[in-house]
Amino acid sequence: MTPDFEMLKLGLACKCPSCKTGSLFNAGLLTLTLKDKCEGCGLDLAKNDSADGPAVFLIFILGFALVPLALLLEFTLHPPLWLHGILWSAVALGITLGTLRPLKSYIIALQFKHRPEDWE
């Protein structure tokens, strides 16, 4: 297993990049609030700086993926405009809520690996 694949696995599981067991986020299904410290190893999670990176990545990925799908649907089935609004809003919201936590965890894991001086 390559090291970057391990970081991806940690990101998908939302686990601490140091001990690989502690959860990164506070309790709650949709919360994006990080814990102050890892409950497993005591890593100071307040030192991370993922900022708006995960949201920006999702904006680009969703824009790149959903706009062609919406155009394809329009030119093949010709649904009404209100259906486009409801359908693509629900799809974008669902994908965003489902992937934002793992993507934020993945960026934190990459920062832990590639910029260890930020965590000392």
PDB file of N, CA and C in Angstrom:
ATOM      1  N   MET A   1       0.849  -1.179   0.000  1.00  0.00           N
ATOM      2  CA  MET A   1       0.000   0.000   0.000  1.00  0.00           C
ATOM      3  C   MET A   1       0.893   1.240   0.000  1.00  0.00           C
ATOM      4  N   THR A   2       0.626   2.145  -0.929  1.00  0.00           N
ATOM      5  CA  THR A   2       1.432   3.356  -1.019  1.00  0.00           C
ATOM      6  C   THR A   2       1.034   4.327   0.086  1.00  0.00           C
ATOM      7  N   PRO A   3       1.963   5.175   0.487  1.00  0.00           N
ATOM      8  CA  PRO A   3       1.655   6.125   1.574  1.00  0.00           C
ATOM      9  C   PRO A   3       0.496   7.060   1.249  1.00  0.00           C
ATOM     10  N   ASP A   4       0.382   7.528  -0.004  1.00  0.00           N
ATOM     11  CA  ASP A   4      -0.718   8.432  -0.325  1.00  0.00           C
ATOM     12  C   ASP A   4      -2.061   7.714  -0.289  1.00  0.00           C
ATOM     13  N   PHE A   5      -2.064   6.417  -0.631  1.00  0.00           N
ATOM     14  CA  PHE A   5      -3.298   5.645  -0.518  1.00  0.00           C
ATOM     15  C   PHE A   5      -3.705   5.519   0.947  1.00  0.00           C
ATOM     16  N   GLU A   6      -2.719   5.405   1.821  1.00  0.00           N
ATOM     17  CA  GLU A   6      -3.004   5.341   3.255  1.00  0.00           C
ATOM     18  C   GLU A   6      -3.622   6.657   3.733  1.00  0.00           C
ATOM     19  N   MET A   7      -3.133   7.780   3.221  1.00  0.00           N
ATOM     20  CA  MET A   7      -3.704   9.081   3.582  1.00  0.00           C
ATOM     21  C   MET A   7      -5.144   9.178   3.081  1.00  0.00           C
ATOM     22  N   LEU A   8      -5.398   8.644   1.897  1.00  0.00           N
ATOM     23  CA  LEU A   8      -6.754   8.655   1.355  1.00  0.00           C
ATOM     24  C   LEU A   8      -7.678   7.795   2.220  1.00  0.00           C
ATOM     25  N   LYS A   9      -7.187   6.645   2.658  1.00  0.00           N
ATOM     26  CA  LYS A   9      -7.963   5.776   3.532  1.00  0.00           C
ATOM     27  C   LYS A   9      -8.284   6.474   4.859  1.00  0.00           C
ATOM     28  N   LEU A  10      -7.302   7.182   5.415  1.00  0.00           N
ATOM     29  CA  LEU A  10      -7.528   7.932   6.654  1.00  0.00           C
ATOM     30  C   LEU A  10      -8.559   9.041   6.437  1.00  0.00           C
ATOM     31  N   GLY A  11      -8.468   9.700   5.289  1.00  0.00           N
ATOM     32  CA  GLY A  11      -9.415  10.765   4.983  1.00  0.00           C
ATOM     33  C   GLY A  11     -10.839  10.249   4.873  1.00  0.00           C
ATOM     34  N   LEU A  12     -11.013   9.134   4.195  1.00  0.00           N
ATOM     35  CA  LEU A  12     -12.356   8.566   4.050  1.00  0.00           C
ATOM     36  C   LEU A  12     -12.922   8.113   5.390  1.00  0.00           C
ATOM     37  N   ALA A  13     -12.050   7.654   6.282  1.00  0.00           N
ATOM     38  CA  ALA A  13     -12.499   7.207   7.607  1.00  0.00           C
ATOM     39  C   ALA A  13     -12.600   8.361   8.602  1.00  0.00           C
ATOM     40  N   CYS A  14     -12.088   9.547   8.248  1.00  0.00           N
ATOM     41  CA  CYS A  14     -12.078  10.727   9.131  1.00  0.00           C
ATOM     42  C   CYS A  14     -11.333  10.436  10.431  1.00  0.00           C
ATOM     43  N   LYS A  15     -10.177   9.799  10.308  1.00  0.00           N
ATOM     44  CA  LYS A  15      -9.373   9.420  11.466  1.00  0.00           C
ATOM     45  C   LYS A  15      -8.133  10.300  11.575  1.00  0.00           C
ATOM     46  N   CYS A  16      -7.556  10.332  12.760  1.00  0.00           N
ATOM     47  CA  CYS A  16      -6.359  11.118  13.061  1.00  0.00           C
ATOM     48  C   CYS A  16      -5.187  10.637  12.209  1.00  0.00           C
ATOM     49  N   PRO A  17      -4.441  11.548  11.587  1.00  0.00           N
ATOM     50  CA  PRO A  17      -3.304  11.124  10.758  1.00  0.00           C
ATOM     51  C   PRO A  17      -2.116  10.626  11.570  1.00  0.00           C
ATOM     52  N   SER A  18      -2.088  10.907  12.860  1.00  0.00           N
ATOM     53  CA  SER A  18      -0.970  10.481  13.691  1.00  0.00           C
ATOM     54  C   SER A  18      -1.172   9.066  14.229  1.00  0.00           C
ATOM     55  N   CYS A  19      -2.264   8.845  14.968  1.00  0.00           N
ATOM     56  CA  CYS A  19      -2.487   7.527  15.580  1.00  0.00           C
ATOM     57  C   CYS A  19      -3.371   6.622  14.728  1.00  0.00           C
ATOM     58  N   LYS A  20      -4.057   7.198  13.740  1.00  0.00           N
ATOM     59  CA  LYS A  20      -4.919   6.472  12.810  1.00  0.00           C
ATOM     60  C   LYS A  20      -6.139   5.819  13.468  1.00  0.00           C
ATOM     61  N   THR A  21      -6.464   6.237  14.696  1.00  0.00           N
ATOM     62  CA  THR A  21      -7.634   5.665  15.368  1.00  0.00           C
ATOM     63  C   THR A  21      -8.626   6.725  15.847  1.00  0.00           C
ATOM     64  N   GLY A  22      -8.153   7.861  16.309  1.00  0.00           N
ATOM     65  CA  GLY A  22      -9.039   8.884  16.871  1.00  0.00           C
ATOM     66  C   GLY A  22      -9.848   9.605  15.807  1.00  0.00           C
ATOM     67  N   SER A  23     -11.060   9.972  16.155  1.00  0.00           N
ATOM     68  CA  SER A  23     -11.932  10.710  15.246  1.00  0.00           C
ATOM     69  C   SER A  23     -11.502  12.175  15.190  1.00  0.00           C
ATOM     70  N   LEU A  24     -11.611  12.787  14.018  1.00  0.00           N
ATOM     71  CA  LEU A  24     -11.219  14.190  13.859  1.00  0.00           C
ATOM     72  C   LEU A  24     -12.329  15.173  14.213  1.00  0.00           C
ATOM     73  N   PHE A  25     -13.582  14.750  14.035  1.00  0.00           N
ATOM     74  CA  PHE A  25     -14.693  15.692  14.148  1.00  0.00           C
ATOM     75  C   PHE A  25     -15.491  15.477  15.424  1.00  0.00           C
ATOM     76  N   ASN A  26     -16.112  16.567  15.890  1.00  0.00           N
ATOM     77  CA  ASN A  26     -17.021  16.481  17.017  1.00  0.00           C
ATOM     78  C   ASN A  26     -18.229  15.646  16.620  1.00  0.00           C
ATOM     79  N   ALA A  27     -18.959  15.158  17.612  1.00  0.00           N
ATOM     80  CA  ALA A  27     -20.121  14.314  17.353  1.00  0.00           C
ATOM     81  C   ALA A  27     -21.174  15.085  16.564  1.00  0.00           C
ATOM     82  N   GLY A  28     -21.861  14.382  15.715  1.00  0.00           N
ATOM     83  CA  GLY A  28     -22.901  14.967  14.885  1.00  0.00           C
ATOM     84  C   GLY A  28     -22.714  14.556  13.448  1.00  0.00           C
ATOM     85  N   LEU A  29     -23.803  14.283  12.772  1.00  0.00           N
ATOM     86  CA  LEU A  29     -23.737  13.760  11.417  1.00  0.00           C
ATOM     87  C   LEU A  29     -23.176  14.772  10.421  1.00  0.00           C
ATOM     88  N   LEU A  30     -23.602  15.999  10.511  1.00  0.00           N
ATOM     89  CA  LEU A  30     -23.209  17.000   9.519  1.00  0.00           C
ATOM     90  C   LEU A  30     -22.258  18.057  10.042  1.00  0.00           C
ATOM     91  N   THR A  31     -21.689  17.855  11.226  1.00  0.00           N
ATOM     92  CA  THR A  31     -20.795  18.868  11.772  1.00  0.00           C
ATOM     93  C   THR A  31     -19.433  18.804  11.101  1.00  0.00           C
ATOM     94  N   LEU A  32     -18.870  19.963  10.848  1.00  0.00           N
ATOM     95  CA  LEU A  32     -17.532  20.058  10.280  1.00  0.00           C
ATOM     96  C   LEU A  32     -16.555  20.638  11.290  1.00  0.00           C
ATOM     97  N   THR A  33     -16.965  20.710  12.547  1.00  0.00           N
ATOM     98  CA  THR A  33     -16.125  21.258  13.598  1.00  0.00           C
ATOM     99  C   THR A  33     -15.132  20.203  14.062  1.00  0.00           C
ATOM    100  N   LEU A  34     -13.846  20.544  13.968  1.00  0.00           N
ATOM    101  CA  LEU A  34     -12.803  19.630  14.409  1.00  0.00           C
ATOM    102  C   LEU A  34     -12.702  19.621  15.924  1.00  0.00           C
ATOM    103  N   LYS A  35     -12.289  18.491  16.454  1.00  0.00           N
ATOM    104  CA  LYS A  35     -11.984  18.420  17.880  1.00  0.00           C
ATOM    105  C   LYS A  35     -10.702  19.212  18.124  1.00  0.00           C
ATOM    106  N   ASP A  36     -10.517  19.682  19.347  1.00  0.00           N
ATOM    107  CA  ASP A  36      -9.296  20.418  19.680  1.00  0.00           C
ATOM    108  C   ASP A  36      -8.080  19.501  19.693  1.00  0.00           C
ATOM    109  N   LYS A  37      -8.262  18.310  20.252  1.00  0.00           N
ATOM    110  CA  LYS A  37      -7.172  17.327  20.343  1.00  0.00           C
ATOM    111  C   LYS A  37      -7.718  15.954  20.008  1.00  0.00           C
ATOM    112  N   CYS A  38      -6.856  15.108  19.465  1.00  0.00           N
ATOM    113  CA  CYS A  38      -7.219  13.717  19.190  1.00  0.00           C
ATOM    114  C   CYS A  38      -7.379  12.982  20.505  1.00  0.00           C
ATOM    115  N   GLU A  39      -8.473  12.218  20.634  1.00  0.00           N
ATOM    116  CA  GLU A  39      -8.677  11.477  21.879  1.00  0.00           C
ATOM    117  C   GLU A  39      -7.751  10.277  21.994  1.00  0.00           C
ATOM    118  N   GLY A  40      -7.137   9.854  20.874  1.00  0.00           N
ATOM    119  CA  GLY A  40      -6.247   8.702  20.900  1.00  0.00           C
ATOM    120  C   GLY A  40      -4.810   9.038  21.262  1.00  0.00           C
ATOM    121  N   CYS A  41      -4.265  10.073  20.617  1.00  0.00           N
ATOM    122  CA  CYS A  41      -2.837  10.378  20.815  1.00  0.00           C
ATOM    123  C   CYS A  41      -2.574  11.781  21.348  1.00  0.00           C
ATOM    124  N   GLY A  42      -3.600  12.616  21.419  1.00  0.00           N
ATOM    125  CA  GLY A  42      -3.423  13.967  21.939  1.00  0.00           C
ATOM    126  C   GLY A  42      -2.888  14.957  20.917  1.00  0.00           C
ATOM    127  N   LEU A  43      -2.886  14.605  19.629  1.00  0.00           N
ATOM    128  CA  LEU A  43      -2.422  15.520  18.581  1.00  0.00           C
ATOM    129  C   LEU A  43      -3.260  16.787  18.605  1.00  0.00           C
ATOM    130  N   ASP A  44      -2.598  17.930  18.606  1.00  0.00           N
ATOM    131  CA  ASP A  44      -3.282  19.219  18.629  1.00  0.00           C
ATOM    132  C   ASP A  44      -3.858  19.500  17.246  1.00  0.00           C
ATOM    133  N   LEU A  45      -5.139  19.257  17.077  1.00  0.00           N
ATOM    134  CA  LEU A  45      -5.795  19.432  15.785  1.00  0.00           C
ATOM    135  C   LEU A  45      -6.076  20.894  15.467  1.00  0.00           C
ATOM    136  N   ALA A  46      -5.940  21.769  16.443  1.00  0.00           N
ATOM    137  CA  ALA A  46      -6.167  23.194  16.214  1.00  0.00           C
ATOM    138  C   ALA A  46      -5.083  23.799  15.335  1.00  0.00           C
ATOM    139  N   LYS A  47      -3.965  23.086  15.161  1.00  0.00           N
ATOM    140  CA  LYS A  47      -2.864  23.607  14.347  1.00  0.00           C
ATOM    141  C   LYS A  47      -3.048  23.373  12.857  1.00  0.00           C
ATOM    142  N   ASN A  48      -4.080  22.636  12.469  1.00  0.00           N
ATOM    143  CA  ASN A  48      -4.274  22.382  11.041  1.00  0.00           C
ATOM    144  C   ASN A  48      -4.836  23.617  10.360  1.00  0.00           C
ATOM    145  N   ASP A  49      -4.661  23.687   9.064  1.00  0.00           N
ATOM    146  CA  ASP A  49      -5.168  24.827   8.312  1.00  0.00           C
ATOM    147  C   ASP A  49      -5.725  24.345   6.972  1.00  0.00           C
ATOM    148  N   SER A  50      -6.839  23.627   7.020  1.00  0.00           N
ATOM    149  CA  SER A  50      -7.436  23.196   5.753  1.00  0.00           C
ATOM    150  C   SER A  50      -8.234  24.336   5.129  1.00  0.00           C
ATOM    151  N   ALA A  51      -8.653  25.295   5.929  1.00  0.00           N
ATOM    152  CA  ALA A  51      -9.359  26.505   5.485  1.00  0.00           C
ATOM    153  C   ALA A  51     -10.486  26.168   4.516  1.00  0.00           C
ATOM    154  N   ASP A  52     -10.527  26.841   3.377  1.00  0.00           N
ATOM    155  CA  ASP A  52     -11.589  26.639   2.399  1.00  0.00           C
ATOM    156  C   ASP A  52     -11.187  25.678   1.295  1.00  0.00           C
ATOM    157  N   GLY A  53     -10.030  25.029   1.428  1.00  0.00           N
ATOM    158  CA  GLY A  53      -9.543  24.122   0.397  1.00  0.00           C
ATOM    159  C   GLY A  53     -10.530  23.046   0.004  1.00  0.00           C
ATOM    160  N   PRO A  54     -11.112  22.300   0.971  1.00  0.00           N
ATOM    161  CA  PRO A  54     -12.063  21.260   0.598  1.00  0.00           C
ATOM    162  C   PRO A  54     -13.282  21.797  -0.145  1.00  0.00           C
ATOM    163  N   ALA A  55     -13.799  22.934   0.285  1.00  0.00           N
ATOM    164  CA  ALA A  55     -14.975  23.504  -0.380  1.00  0.00           C
ATOM    165  C   ALA A  55     -14.645  23.947  -1.806  1.00  0.00           C
ATOM    166  N   VAL A  56     -13.475  24.521  -1.992  1.00  0.00           N
ATOM    167  CA  VAL A  56     -13.069  24.958  -3.335  1.00  0.00           C
ATOM    168  C   VAL A  56     -12.898  23.751  -4.251  1.00  0.00           C
ATOM    169  N   PHE A  57     -12.266  22.685  -3.740  1.00  0.00           N
ATOM    170  CA  PHE A  57     -12.129  21.474  -4.553  1.00  0.00           C
ATOM    171  C   PHE A  57     -13.491  20.944  -4.972  1.00  0.00           C
ATOM    172  N   LEU A  58     -14.436  20.915  -4.027  1.00  0.00           N
ATOM    173  CA  LEU A  58     -15.766  20.412  -4.359  1.00  0.00           C
ATOM    174  C   LEU A  58     -16.478  21.288  -5.368  1.00  0.00           C
ATOM    175  N   ILE A  59     -16.316  22.594  -5.284  1.00  0.00           N
ATOM    176  CA  ILE A  59     -16.936  23.492  -6.259  1.00  0.00           C
ATOM    177  C   ILE A  59     -16.440  23.173  -7.665  1.00  0.00           C
ATOM    178  N   PHE A  60     -15.124  23.005  -7.798  1.00  0.00           N
ATOM    179  CA  PHE A  60     -14.569  22.699  -9.113  1.00  0.00           C
ATOM    180  C   PHE A  60     -14.993  21.315  -9.599  1.00  0.00           C
ATOM    181  N   ILE A  61     -14.955  20.323  -8.717  1.00  0.00           N
ATOM    182  CA  ILE A  61     -15.325  18.963  -9.107  1.00  0.00           C
ATOM    183  C   ILE A  61     -16.801  18.895  -9.490  1.00  0.00           C
ATOM    184  N   LEU A  62     -17.662  19.482  -8.664  1.00  0.00           N
ATOM    185  CA  LEU A  62     -19.093  19.454  -8.967  1.00  0.00           C
ATOM    186  C   LEU A  62     -19.424  20.239 -10.228  1.00  0.00           C
ATOM    187  N   GLY A  63     -18.789  21.378 -10.403  1.00  0.00           N
ATOM    188  CA  GLY A  63     -19.023  22.153 -11.622  1.00  0.00           C
ATOM    189  C   GLY A  63     -18.597  21.391 -12.859  1.00  0.00           C
ATOM    190  N   PHE A  64     -17.470  20.732 -12.763  1.00  0.00           N
ATOM    191  CA  PHE A  64     -16.953  19.956 -13.892  1.00  0.00           C
ATOM    192  C   PHE A  64     -17.822  18.741 -14.191  1.00  0.00           C
ATOM    193  N   ALA A  65     -18.402  18.140 -13.153  1.00  0.00           N
ATOM    194  CA  ALA A  65     -19.181  16.919 -13.343  1.00  0.00           C
ATOM    195  C   ALA A  65     -20.663  17.170 -13.605  1.00  0.00           C
ATOM    196  N   LEU A  66     -21.264  18.106 -12.864  1.00  0.00           N
ATOM    197  CA  LEU A  66     -22.712  18.256 -12.933  1.00  0.00           C
ATOM    198  C   LEU A  66     -23.203  19.083 -14.115  1.00  0.00           C
ATOM    199  N   VAL A  67     -22.438  20.059 -14.552  1.00  0.00           N
ATOM    200  CA  VAL A  67     -22.890  20.874 -15.689  1.00  0.00           C
ATOM    201  C   VAL A  67     -23.024  20.034 -16.960  1.00  0.00           C
ATOM    202  N   PRO A  68     -22.035  19.203 -17.311  1.00  0.00           N
ATOM    203  CA  PRO A  68     -22.243  18.351 -18.496  1.00  0.00           C
ATOM    204  C   PRO A  68     -23.405  17.369 -18.331  1.00  0.00           C
ATOM    205  N   LEU A  69     -23.603  16.851 -17.120  1.00  0.00           N
ATOM    206  CA  LEU A  69     -24.735  15.953 -16.891  1.00  0.00           C
ATOM    207  C   LEU A  69     -26.066  16.686 -17.072  1.00  0.00           C
ATOM    208  N   ALA A  70     -26.137  17.917 -16.577  1.00  0.00           N
ATOM    209  CA  ALA A  70     -27.363  18.700 -16.737  1.00  0.00           C
ATOM    210  C   ALA A  70     -27.616  19.006 -18.212  1.00  0.00           C
ATOM    211  N   LEU A  71     -26.560  19.329 -18.948  1.00  0.00           N
ATOM    212  CA  LEU A  71     -26.726  19.585 -20.390  1.00  0.00           C
ATOM    213  C   LEU A  71     -27.143  18.323 -21.134  1.00  0.00           C
ATOM    214  N   LEU A  72     -26.568  17.196 -20.765  1.00  0.00           N
ATOM    215  CA  LEU A  72     -26.933  15.935 -21.393  1.00  0.00           C
ATOM    216  C   LEU A  72     -28.400  15.607 -21.136  1.00  0.00           C
ATOM    217  N   LEU A  73     -28.848  15.795 -19.900  1.00  0.00           N
ATOM    218  CA  LEU A  73     -30.252  15.566 -19.575  1.00  0.00           C
ATOM    219  C   LEU A  73     -31.158  16.511 -20.355  1.00  0.00           C
ATOM    220  N   GLU A  74     -30.737  17.759 -20.465  1.00  0.00           N
ATOM    221  CA  GLU A  74     -31.548  18.749 -21.182  1.00  0.00           C
ATOM    222  C   GLU A  74     -31.710  18.382 -22.649  1.00  0.00           C
ATOM    223  N   PHE A  75     -30.627  17.973 -23.278  1.00  0.00           N
ATOM    224  CA  PHE A  75     -30.688  17.717 -24.716  1.00  0.00           C
ATOM    225  C   PHE A  75     -31.258  16.344 -25.061  1.00  0.00           C
ATOM    226  N   THR A  76     -31.345  15.447 -24.090  1.00  0.00           N
ATOM    227  CA  THR A  76     -31.924  14.137 -24.387  1.00  0.00           C
ATOM    228  C   THR A  76     -33.390  14.035 -23.967  1.00  0.00           C
ATOM    229  N   LEU A  77     -33.748  14.523 -22.784  1.00  0.00           N
ATOM    230  CA  LEU A  77     -35.110  14.363 -22.281  1.00  0.00           C
ATOM    231  C   LEU A  77     -35.931  15.652 -22.266  1.00  0.00           C
ATOM    232  N   HIS A  78     -35.301  16.797 -22.347  1.00  0.00           N
ATOM    233  CA  HIS A  78     -35.969  18.110 -22.339  1.00  0.00           C
ATOM    234  C   HIS A  78     -36.921  18.283 -21.148  1.00  0.00           C
ATOM    235  N   PRO A  79     -36.440  18.081 -19.919  1.00  0.00           N
ATOM    236  CA  PRO A  79     -37.332  18.273 -18.765  1.00  0.00           C
ATOM    237  C   PRO A  79     -37.588  19.761 -18.528  1.00  0.00           C
ATOM    238  N   PRO A  80     -38.622  20.088 -17.777  1.00  0.00           N
ATOM    239  CA  PRO A  80     -38.889  21.500 -17.480  1.00  0.00           C
ATOM    240  C   PRO A  80     -37.786  22.085 -16.593  1.00  0.00           C
ATOM    241  N   LEU A  81     -37.680  23.389 -16.654  1.00  0.00           N
ATOM    242  CA  LEU A  81     -36.625  24.083 -15.922  1.00  0.00           C
ATOM    243  C   LEU A  81     -36.720  23.868 -14.415  1.00  0.00           C
ATOM    244  N   TRP A  82     -37.925  23.827 -13.859  1.00  0.00           N
ATOM    245  CA  TRP A  82     -38.078  23.621 -12.427  1.00  0.00           C
ATOM    246  C   TRP A  82     -37.537  22.263 -12.000  1.00  0.00           C
ATOM    247  N   LEU A  83     -37.655  21.251 -12.876  1.00  0.00           N
ATOM    248  CA  LEU A  83     -37.125  19.936 -12.553  1.00  0.00           C
ATOM    249  C   LEU A  83     -35.598  19.959 -12.496  1.00  0.00           C
ATOM    250  N   HIS A  84     -34.981  20.702 -13.428  1.00  0.00           N
ATOM    251  CA  HIS A  84     -33.530  20.888 -13.371  1.00  0.00           C
ATOM    252  C   HIS A  84     -33.113  21.509 -12.039  1.00  0.00           C
ATOM    253  N   GLY A  85     -33.825  22.547 -11.645  1.00  0.00           N
ATOM    254  CA  GLY A  85     -33.488  23.236 -10.397  1.00  0.00           C
ATOM    255  C   GLY A  85     -33.566  22.323  -9.193  1.00  0.00           C
ATOM    256  N   ILE A  86     -34.621  21.564  -9.102  1.00  0.00           N
ATOM    257  CA  ILE A  86     -34.790  20.659  -7.961  1.00  0.00           C
ATOM    258  C   ILE A  86     -33.787  19.515  -8.021  1.00  0.00           C
ATOM    259  N   LEU A  87     -33.665  18.888  -9.177  1.00  0.00           N
ATOM    260  CA  LEU A  87     -32.791  17.724  -9.315  1.00  0.00           C
ATOM    261  C   LEU A  87     -31.330  18.054  -9.042  1.00  0.00           C
ATOM    262  N   TRP A  88     -30.804  19.073  -9.705  1.00  0.00           N
ATOM    263  CA  TRP A  88     -29.370  19.363  -9.581  1.00  0.00           C
ATOM    264  C   TRP A  88     -29.032  20.024  -8.254  1.00  0.00           C
ATOM    265  N   SER A  89     -29.988  20.726  -7.656  1.00  0.00           N
ATOM    266  CA  SER A  89     -29.753  21.252  -6.307  1.00  0.00           C
ATOM    267  C   SER A  89     -29.650  20.115  -5.305  1.00  0.00           C
ATOM    268  N   ALA A  90     -30.535  19.151  -5.416  1.00  0.00           N
ATOM    269  CA  ALA A  90     -30.507  18.005  -4.502  1.00  0.00           C
ATOM    270  C   ALA A  90     -29.245  17.170  -4.707  1.00  0.00           C
ATOM    271  N   VAL A  91     -28.863  16.945  -5.951  1.00  0.00           N
ATOM    272  CA  VAL A  91     -27.654  16.159  -6.233  1.00  0.00           C
ATOM    273  C   VAL A  91     -26.419  16.880  -5.702  1.00  0.00           C
ATOM    274  N   ALA A  92     -26.300  18.168  -5.977  1.00  0.00           N
ATOM    275  CA  ALA A  92     -25.133  18.933  -5.519  1.00  0.00           C
ATOM    276  C   ALA A  92     -25.079  18.985  -3.996  1.00  0.00           C
ATOM    277  N   LEU A  93     -26.212  19.197  -3.346  1.00  0.00           N
ATOM    278  CA  LEU A  93     -26.249  19.246  -1.886  1.00  0.00           C
ATOM    279  C   LEU A  93     -25.891  17.888  -1.282  1.00  0.00           C
ATOM    280  N   GLY A  94     -26.429  16.826  -1.843  1.00  0.00           N
ATOM    281  CA  GLY A  94     -26.133  15.487  -1.340  1.00  0.00           C
ATOM    282  C   GLY A  94     -24.663  15.122  -1.479  1.00  0.00           C
ATOM    283  N   ILE A  95     -24.096  15.408  -2.643  1.00  0.00           N
ATOM    284  CA  ILE A  95     -22.676  15.103  -2.858  1.00  0.00           C
ATOM    285  C   ILE A  95     -21.809  15.959  -1.941  1.00  0.00           C
ATOM    286  N   THR A  96     -22.153  17.216  -1.788  1.00  0.00           N
ATOM    287  CA  THR A  96     -21.370  18.104  -0.935  1.00  0.00           C
ATOM    288  C   THR A  96     -21.390  17.644   0.513  1.00  0.00           C
ATOM    289  N   LEU A  97     -22.571  17.367   1.028  1.00  0.00           N
ATOM    290  CA  LEU A  97     -22.674  16.948   2.428  1.00  0.00           C
ATOM    291  C   LEU A  97     -22.032  15.582   2.658  1.00  0.00           C
ATOM    292  N   GLY A  98     -22.051  14.741   1.651  1.00  0.00           N
ATOM    293  CA  GLY A  98     -21.473  13.417   1.797  1.00  0.00           C
ATOM    294  C   GLY A  98     -19.962  13.369   1.676  1.00  0.00           C
ATOM    295  N   THR A  99     -19.377  14.350   1.012  1.00  0.00           N
ATOM    296  CA  THR A  99     -17.932  14.287   0.750  1.00  0.00           C
ATOM    297  C   THR A  99     -17.108  15.363   1.441  1.00  0.00           C
ATOM    298  N   LEU A 100     -17.724  16.350   2.036  1.00  0.00           N
ATOM    299  CA  LEU A 100     -16.952  17.447   2.613  1.00  0.00           C
ATOM    300  C   LEU A 100     -16.112  16.999   3.815  1.00  0.00           C
ATOM    301  N   ARG A 101     -16.667  16.200   4.708  1.00  0.00           N
ATOM    302  CA  ARG A 101     -15.901  15.716   5.861  1.00  0.00           C
ATOM    303  C   ARG A 101     -14.715  14.847   5.438  1.00  0.00           C
ATOM    304  N   PRO A 102     -14.921  13.829   4.576  1.00  0.00           N
ATOM    305  CA  PRO A 102     -13.764  13.025   4.159  1.00  0.00           C
ATOM    306  C   PRO A 102     -12.714  13.837   3.409  1.00  0.00           C
ATOM    307  N   LEU A 103     -13.141  14.789   2.596  1.00  0.00           N
ATOM    308  CA  LEU A 103     -12.173  15.602   1.861  1.00  0.00           C
ATOM    309  C   LEU A 103     -11.380  16.492   2.811  1.00  0.00           C
ATOM    310  N   LYS A 104     -12.046  17.058   3.811  1.00  0.00           N
ATOM    311  CA  LYS A 104     -11.346  17.867   4.802  1.00  0.00           C
ATOM    312  C   LYS A 104     -10.362  16.998   5.588  1.00  0.00           C
ATOM    313  N   SER A 105     -10.761  15.787   5.944  1.00  0.00           N
ATOM    314  CA  SER A 105      -9.870  14.860   6.650  1.00  0.00           C
ATOM    315  C   SER A 105      -8.673  14.485   5.795  1.00  0.00           C
ATOM    316  N   TYR A 106      -8.893  14.275   4.513  1.00  0.00           N
ATOM    317  CA  TYR A 106      -7.807  13.918   3.601  1.00  0.00           C
ATOM    318  C   TYR A 106      -6.793  15.054   3.498  1.00  0.00           C
ATOM    319  N   ILE A 107      -7.269  16.286   3.413  1.00  0.00           N
ATOM    320  CA  ILE A 107      -6.352  17.426   3.322  1.00  0.00           C
ATOM    321  C   ILE A 107      -5.568  17.576   4.621  1.00  0.00           C
ATOM    322  N   ILE A 108      -6.211  17.341   5.751  1.00  0.00           N
ATOM    323  CA  ILE A 108      -5.497  17.388   7.033  1.00  0.00           C
ATOM    324  C   ILE A 108      -4.427  16.304   7.076  1.00  0.00           C
ATOM    325  N   ALA A 109      -4.745  15.105   6.598  1.00  0.00           N
ATOM    326  CA  ALA A 109      -3.764  14.009   6.583  1.00  0.00           C
ATOM    327  C   ALA A 109      -2.590  14.342   5.666  1.00  0.00           C
ATOM    328  N   LEU A 110      -2.874  14.944   4.513  1.00  0.00           N
ATOM    329  CA  LEU A 110      -1.788  15.335   3.610  1.00  0.00           C
ATOM    330  C   LEU A 110      -0.911  16.417   4.231  1.00  0.00           C
ATOM    331  N   GLN A 111      -1.529  17.367   4.930  1.00  0.00           N
ATOM    332  CA  GLN A 111      -0.749  18.395   5.612  1.00  0.00           C
ATOM    333  C   GLN A 111       0.116  17.780   6.700  1.00  0.00           C
ATOM    334  N   PHE A 112      -0.407  16.813   7.409  1.00  0.00           N
ATOM    335  CA  PHE A 112       0.357  16.151   8.466  1.00  0.00           C
ATOM    336  C   PHE A 112       1.567  15.424   7.872  1.00  0.00           C
ATOM    337  N   LYS A 113       1.373  14.839   6.718  1.00  0.00           N
ATOM    338  CA  LYS A 113       2.460  14.089   6.084  1.00  0.00           C
ATOM    339  C   LYS A 113       3.501  15.012   5.456  1.00  0.00           C
ATOM    340  N   HIS A 114       3.054  16.007   4.709  1.00  0.00           N
ATOM    341  CA  HIS A 114       3.971  16.814   3.906  1.00  0.00           C
ATOM    342  C   HIS A 114       4.465  18.088   4.583  1.00  0.00           C
ATOM    343  N   ARG A 115       3.798  18.533   5.639  1.00  0.00           N
ATOM    344  CA  ARG A 115       4.237  19.722   6.373  1.00  0.00           C
ATOM    345  C   ARG A 115       4.250  19.427   7.867  1.00  0.00           C
ATOM    346  N   PRO A 116       5.122  18.513   8.300  1.00  0.00           N
ATOM    347  CA  PRO A 116       5.125  18.136   9.719  1.00  0.00           C
ATOM    348  C   PRO A 116       5.519  19.278  10.646  1.00  0.00           C
ATOM    349  N   GLU A 117       6.258  20.271  10.128  1.00  0.00           N
ATOM    350  CA  GLU A 117       6.662  21.393  10.985  1.00  0.00           C
ATOM    351  C   GLU A 117       5.465  22.212  11.458  1.00  0.00           C
ATOM    352  N   ASP A 118       4.354  22.165  10.738  1.00  0.00           N
ATOM    353  CA  ASP A 118       3.144  22.885  11.162  1.00  0.00           C
ATOM    354  C   ASP A 118       2.486  22.254  12.378  1.00  0.00           C
ATOM    355  N   TRP A 119       2.831  21.016  12.688  1.00  0.00           N
ATOM    356  CA  TRP A 119       2.174  20.274  13.765  1.00  0.00           C
ATOM    357  C   TRP A 119       3.020  20.207  15.026  1.00  0.00           C
ATOM    358  N   GLU A 120       4.194  20.782  15.005  1.00  0.00           N
ATOM    359  CA  GLU A 120       5.082  20.708  16.170  1.00  0.00           C
ATOM    360  C   GLU A 120       4.893  21.897  17.083  1.00  0.00           C
TER     361      GLU A 120
END
